[in-house]
Amino acid sequence: MKGPTVDFQLSLNSESVESAHPTEPLPVEPDTSLRDVLALLKAQRSSCVLVCRDGVLEGIFTERDALKLMADGSDLSTPVKDLMVPRPTSVHTDAKVGDVIRAMSKGGYRRLPIVDEQGVPTGVVGVPGILHYLVEHFPEAVYNLPPEPGKISTEREGA
């Protein structure tokens, strides 16, 4: 009989990143101005744009980058290619959910572009999608976590 930990590991190591509720990529050209990128992020209610040349991923620009630039009073006419994170870590369309979680954890990323064999973005996997996946697939493990994992209550719960 398989236990919850075994099922959990099997799912993480066998299910595709497409199971983790990726969002549609929001591509922009490298010469797009910061002003236009900010307007696009707002209009699309997105947390990032993928900077692409001829459809191929070259960089990423996130709302965190935007906040830093706004705090510095950056020129809104600056092209996004001068502000993006170049050659961002990405995952391939055949990546498994477990690999994505490890990459996000190791790099401290909140989102990763998903690319095909040619480097063309097909989606963006983010923390909300990963959390949705975990709750959807393992509700008992997620909902039954104590407020402080590893700490065992010595007092009886309830009134």
C-alpha atoms as a PDB file:
ATOM      1  CA  MET A   1       0.000   0.000   0.000  1.00  0.00           C
ATOM      2  CA  LYS A   2       1.388   3.387  -1.004  1.00  0.00           C
ATOM      3  CA  GLY A   3       1.392   6.139   1.576  1.00  0.00           C
ATOM      4  CA  PRO A   4       0.694   9.855   1.015  1.00  0.00           C
ATOM      5  CA  THR A   5       4.419  10.668   0.780  1.00  0.00           C
ATOM      6  CA  VAL A   6       4.944   8.122  -1.999  1.00  0.00           C
ATOM      7  CA  ASP A   7       1.902   9.392  -3.944  1.00  0.00           C
ATOM      8  CA  PHE A   8       3.111  12.945  -3.450  1.00  0.00           C
ATOM      9  CA  GLN A   9       6.597  12.171  -4.800  1.00  0.00           C
ATOM     10  CA  LEU A  10       5.228  10.147  -7.710  1.00  0.00           C
ATOM     11  CA  SER A  11       2.959  12.988  -8.789  1.00  0.00           C
ATOM     12  CA  LEU A  12       5.652  15.645  -8.505  1.00  0.00           C
ATOM     13  CA  ASN A  13       8.078  13.541 -10.528  1.00  0.00           C
ATOM     14  CA  SER A  14       5.648  12.391 -13.191  1.00  0.00           C
ATOM     15  CA  GLU A  15       3.252  15.254 -13.891  1.00  0.00           C
ATOM     16  CA  SER A  16       4.139  17.909 -16.446  1.00  0.00           C
ATOM     17  CA  VAL A  17       4.561  21.591 -15.667  1.00  0.00           C
ATOM     18  CA  GLU A  18       1.331  22.070 -17.632  1.00  0.00           C
ATOM     19  CA  SER A  19      -0.446  20.592 -14.577  1.00  0.00           C
ATOM     20  CA  ALA A  20       0.722  23.534 -12.452  1.00  0.00           C
ATOM     21  CA  HIS A  21      -1.698  26.042 -13.984  1.00  0.00           C
ATOM     22  CA  PRO A  22       0.714  28.135 -16.069  1.00  0.00           C
ATOM     23  CA  THR A  23      -0.443  31.486 -17.376  1.00  0.00           C
ATOM     24  CA  GLU A  24      -0.259  32.623 -20.981  1.00  0.00           C
ATOM     25  CA  PRO A  25       3.042  34.311 -21.849  1.00  0.00           C
ATOM     26  CA  LEU A  26       2.923  38.063 -22.374  1.00  0.00           C
ATOM     27  CA  PRO A  27       5.666  38.738 -24.937  1.00  0.00           C
ATOM     28  CA  VAL A  28       7.077  42.163 -25.802  1.00  0.00           C
ATOM     29  CA  GLU A  29       9.762  43.289 -28.213  1.00  0.00           C
ATOM     30  CA  PRO A  30      13.130  44.386 -26.736  1.00  0.00           C
ATOM     31  CA  ASP A  31      12.640  48.023 -27.841  1.00  0.00           C
ATOM     32  CA  THR A  32       9.289  48.387 -26.026  1.00  0.00           C
ATOM     33  CA  SER A  33       9.445  51.343 -23.615  1.00  0.00           C
ATOM     34  CA  LEU A  34       9.093  50.940 -19.864  1.00  0.00           C
ATOM     35  CA  ARG A  35       5.963  53.118 -20.106  1.00  0.00           C
ATOM     36  CA  ASP A  36       4.350  50.702 -22.578  1.00  0.00           C
ATOM     37  CA  VAL A  37       5.427  47.652 -20.560  1.00  0.00           C
ATOM     38  CA  LEU A  38       3.881  49.091 -17.390  1.00  0.00           C
ATOM     39  CA  ALA A  39       0.651  49.877 -19.251  1.00  0.00           C
ATOM     40  CA  LEU A  40       0.571  46.338 -20.649  1.00  0.00           C
ATOM     41  CA  LEU A  41       1.191  44.772 -17.232  1.00  0.00           C
ATOM     42  CA  LYS A  42      -1.678  46.814 -15.818  1.00  0.00           C
ATOM     43  CA  ALA A  43      -4.063  46.162 -18.710  1.00  0.00           C
ATOM     44  CA  GLN A  44      -3.402  42.413 -18.739  1.00  0.00           C
ATOM     45  CA  ARG A  45      -3.215  42.134 -14.941  1.00  0.00           C
ATOM     46  CA  SER A  46       0.039  40.277 -15.358  1.00  0.00           C
ATOM     47  CA  SER A  47       3.057  40.012 -13.101  1.00  0.00           C
ATOM     48  CA  CYS A  48       5.660  39.815 -15.871  1.00  0.00           C
ATOM     49  CA  VAL A  49       6.428  40.244 -19.526  1.00  0.00           C
ATOM     50  CA  LEU A  50       8.733  38.024 -21.531  1.00  0.00           C
ATOM     51  CA  VAL A  51      11.115  39.960 -23.733  1.00  0.00           C
ATOM     52  CA  CYS A  52      11.372  38.119 -27.056  1.00  0.00           C
ATOM     53  CA  ARG A  53      13.222  38.753 -30.300  1.00  0.00           C
ATOM     54  CA  ASP A  54      11.746  36.913 -33.292  1.00  0.00           C
ATOM     55  CA  GLY A  55       9.592  34.971 -30.825  1.00  0.00           C
ATOM     56  CA  VAL A  56      12.571  33.603 -28.864  1.00  0.00           C
ATOM     57  CA  LEU A  57      12.931  34.388 -25.148  1.00  0.00           C
ATOM     58  CA  GLU A  58      15.717  36.867 -24.362  1.00  0.00           C
ATOM     59  CA  GLY A  59      14.694  38.232 -20.989  1.00  0.00           C
ATOM     60  CA  ILE A  60      12.060  38.731 -18.339  1.00  0.00           C
ATOM     61  CA  PHE A  61      10.743  41.875 -16.675  1.00  0.00           C
ATOM     62  CA  THR A  62       8.628  41.472 -13.533  1.00  0.00           C
ATOM     63  CA  GLU A  63       6.532  43.678 -11.288  1.00  0.00           C
ATOM     64  CA  ARG A  64       9.361  43.464  -8.742  1.00  0.00           C
ATOM     65  CA  ASP A  65      11.718  45.003 -11.337  1.00  0.00           C
ATOM     66  CA  ALA A  66       9.121  47.686 -12.015  1.00  0.00           C
ATOM     67  CA  LEU A  67       8.836  48.581  -8.331  1.00  0.00           C
ATOM     68  CA  LYS A  68      12.605  49.004  -8.018  1.00  0.00           C
ATOM     69  CA  LEU A  69      12.729  51.197 -11.110  1.00  0.00           C
ATOM     70  CA  MET A  70       9.795  53.328 -10.013  1.00  0.00           C
ATOM     71  CA  ALA A  71      11.442  53.867  -6.624  1.00  0.00           C
ATOM     72  CA  ASP A  72      14.600  55.016  -8.428  1.00  0.00           C
ATOM     73  CA  GLY A  73      12.601  57.392 -10.666  1.00  0.00           C
ATOM     74  CA  SER A  74      13.663  55.690 -13.896  1.00  0.00           C
ATOM     75  CA  ASP A  75      13.017  57.236 -17.304  1.00  0.00           C
ATOM     76  CA  LEU A  76       9.801  55.729 -18.658  1.00  0.00           C
ATOM     77  CA  SER A  77      11.065  55.940 -22.241  1.00  0.00           C
ATOM     78  CA  THR A  78      13.903  53.471 -21.527  1.00  0.00           C
ATOM     79  CA  PRO A  79      13.597  50.308 -23.654  1.00  0.00           C
ATOM     80  CA  VAL A  80      12.828  47.163 -21.675  1.00  0.00           C
ATOM     81  CA  LYS A  81      15.934  45.450 -23.119  1.00  0.00           C
ATOM     82  CA  ASP A  82      18.015  47.780 -20.902  1.00  0.00           C
ATOM     83  CA  LEU A  83      15.990  46.870 -17.801  1.00  0.00           C
ATOM     84  CA  MET A  84      15.149  43.177 -18.207  1.00  0.00           C
ATOM     85  CA  VAL A  85      16.847  40.222 -16.582  1.00  0.00           C
ATOM     86  CA  PRO A  86      18.677  38.701 -19.570  1.00  0.00           C
ATOM     87  CA  ARG A  87      18.752  34.954 -20.241  1.00  0.00           C
ATOM     88  CA  PRO A  88      16.323  34.086 -17.451  1.00  0.00           C
ATOM     89  CA  THR A  89      16.154  30.607 -16.018  1.00  0.00           C
ATOM     90  CA  SER A  90      13.372  28.789 -17.824  1.00  0.00           C
ATOM     91  CA  VAL A  91      11.899  25.309 -17.950  1.00  0.00           C
ATOM     92  CA  HIS A  92      11.021  23.213 -20.959  1.00  0.00           C
ATOM     93  CA  THR A  93       7.498  22.155 -21.780  1.00  0.00           C
ATOM     94  CA  ASP A  94       8.323  18.578 -20.719  1.00  0.00           C
ATOM     95  CA  ALA A  95       9.603  19.598 -17.248  1.00  0.00           C
ATOM     96  CA  LYS A  96       8.015  17.865 -14.271  1.00  0.00           C
ATOM     97  CA  VAL A  97       6.356  19.781 -11.435  1.00  0.00           C
ATOM     98  CA  GLY A  98       9.003  18.584  -8.971  1.00  0.00           C
ATOM     99  CA  ASP A  99      11.806  19.924 -11.206  1.00  0.00           C
ATOM    100  CA  VAL A 100      10.038  23.274 -11.444  1.00  0.00           C
ATOM    101  CA  ILE A 101       9.621  23.517  -7.664  1.00  0.00           C
ATOM    102  CA  ARG A 102      13.316  22.678  -7.159  1.00  0.00           C
ATOM    103  CA  ALA A 103      14.408  25.299  -9.727  1.00  0.00           C
ATOM    104  CA  MET A 104      12.173  27.955  -8.178  1.00  0.00           C
ATOM    105  CA  SER A 105      13.402  27.137  -4.681  1.00  0.00           C
ATOM    106  CA  LYS A 106      17.081  27.024  -5.643  1.00  0.00           C
ATOM    107  CA  GLY A 107      16.978  30.300  -7.575  1.00  0.00           C
ATOM    108  CA  GLY A 108      14.487  32.128  -5.364  1.00  0.00           C
ATOM    109  CA  TYR A 109      12.166  32.642  -8.349  1.00  0.00           C
ATOM    110  CA  ARG A 110       8.462  33.406  -8.088  1.00  0.00           C
ATOM    111  CA  ARG A 111       7.833  32.575 -11.740  1.00  0.00           C
ATOM    112  CA  LEU A 112       9.622  30.789 -14.567  1.00  0.00           C
ATOM    113  CA  PRO A 113       9.044  30.995 -18.310  1.00  0.00           C
ATOM    114  CA  ILE A 114       8.132  27.725 -20.014  1.00  0.00           C
ATOM    115  CA  VAL A 115       9.790  27.367 -23.426  1.00  0.00           C
ATOM    116  CA  ASP A 116       9.704  24.850 -26.253  1.00  0.00           C
ATOM    117  CA  GLU A 117      12.741  23.317 -27.995  1.00  0.00           C
ATOM    118  CA  GLN A 118      13.300  26.505 -30.035  1.00  0.00           C
ATOM    119  CA  GLY A 119      13.195  28.779 -26.974  1.00  0.00           C
ATOM    120  CA  VAL A 120       9.736  30.141 -27.788  1.00  0.00           C
ATOM    121  CA  PRO A 121       7.680  30.829 -24.641  1.00  0.00           C
ATOM    122  CA  THR A 122       4.549  28.734 -24.225  1.00  0.00           C
ATOM    123  CA  GLY A 123       3.609  29.892 -20.719  1.00  0.00           C
ATOM    124  CA  VAL A 124       4.757  31.118 -17.325  1.00  0.00           C
ATOM    125  CA  VAL A 125       4.583  28.958 -14.208  1.00  0.00           C
ATOM    126  CA  GLY A 126       4.347  30.860 -10.945  1.00  0.00           C
ATOM    127  CA  VAL A 127       3.957  30.337  -7.234  1.00  0.00           C
ATOM    128  CA  PRO A 128       0.137  30.709  -7.365  1.00  0.00           C
ATOM    129  CA  GLY A 129      -0.080  27.925  -9.981  1.00  0.00           C
ATOM    130  CA  ILE A 130       2.195  25.652  -7.950  1.00  0.00           C
ATOM    131  CA  LEU A 131       0.120  26.265  -4.807  1.00  0.00           C
ATOM    132  CA  HIS A 132      -3.094  25.591  -6.740  1.00  0.00           C
ATOM    133  CA  TYR A 133      -1.566  22.337  -8.003  1.00  0.00           C
ATOM    134  CA  LEU A 134      -0.551  21.244  -4.490  1.00  0.00           C
ATOM    135  CA  VAL A 135      -3.943  22.015  -2.960  1.00  0.00           C
ATOM    136  CA  GLU A 136      -5.733  20.354  -5.868  1.00  0.00           C
ATOM    137  CA  HIS A 137      -3.666  17.159  -5.745  1.00  0.00           C
ATOM    138  CA  PHE A 138      -2.865  16.865  -2.040  1.00  0.00           C
ATOM    139  CA  PRO A 139      -5.596  18.620  -0.038  1.00  0.00           C
ATOM    140  CA  GLU A 140      -5.095  16.453   3.065  1.00  0.00           C
ATOM    141  CA  ALA A 141      -1.391  17.239   3.224  1.00  0.00           C
ATOM    142  CA  VAL A 142      -1.920  20.977   2.673  1.00  0.00           C
ATOM    143  CA  TYR A 143      -5.008  21.592   4.786  1.00  0.00           C
ATOM    144  CA  ASN A 144      -3.827  19.460   7.708  1.00  0.00           C
ATOM    145  CA  LEU A 145      -0.512  21.212   8.232  1.00  0.00           C
ATOM    146  CA  PRO A 146      -0.106  22.642  11.717  1.00  0.00           C
ATOM    147  CA  PRO A 147       0.405  26.407  12.011  1.00  0.00           C
ATOM    148  CA  GLU A 148       4.042  25.730  12.871  1.00  0.00           C
ATOM    149  CA  PRO A 149       5.222  22.524  11.143  1.00  0.00           C
ATOM    150  CA  GLY A 150       7.482  20.470  13.374  1.00  0.00           C
ATOM    151  CA  LYS A 151       5.951  21.858  16.553  1.00  0.00           C
ATOM    152  CA  ILE A 152       3.675  19.505  18.451  1.00  0.00           C
ATOM    153  CA  SER A 153       0.979  21.048  20.613  1.00  0.00           C
ATOM    154  CA  THR A 154       1.122  20.056  24.261  1.00  0.00           C
ATOM    155  CA  GLU A 155      -2.273  21.550  24.978  1.00  0.00           C
ATOM    156  CA  ARG A 156      -5.680  20.307  23.993  1.00  0.00           C
ATOM    157  CA  GLU A 157      -7.366  22.235  21.157  1.00  0.00           C
ATOM    158  CA  GLY A 158     -10.881  23.573  21.413  1.00  0.00           C
ATOM    159  CA  ALA A 159     -12.957  25.382  23.984  1.00  0.00           C
END
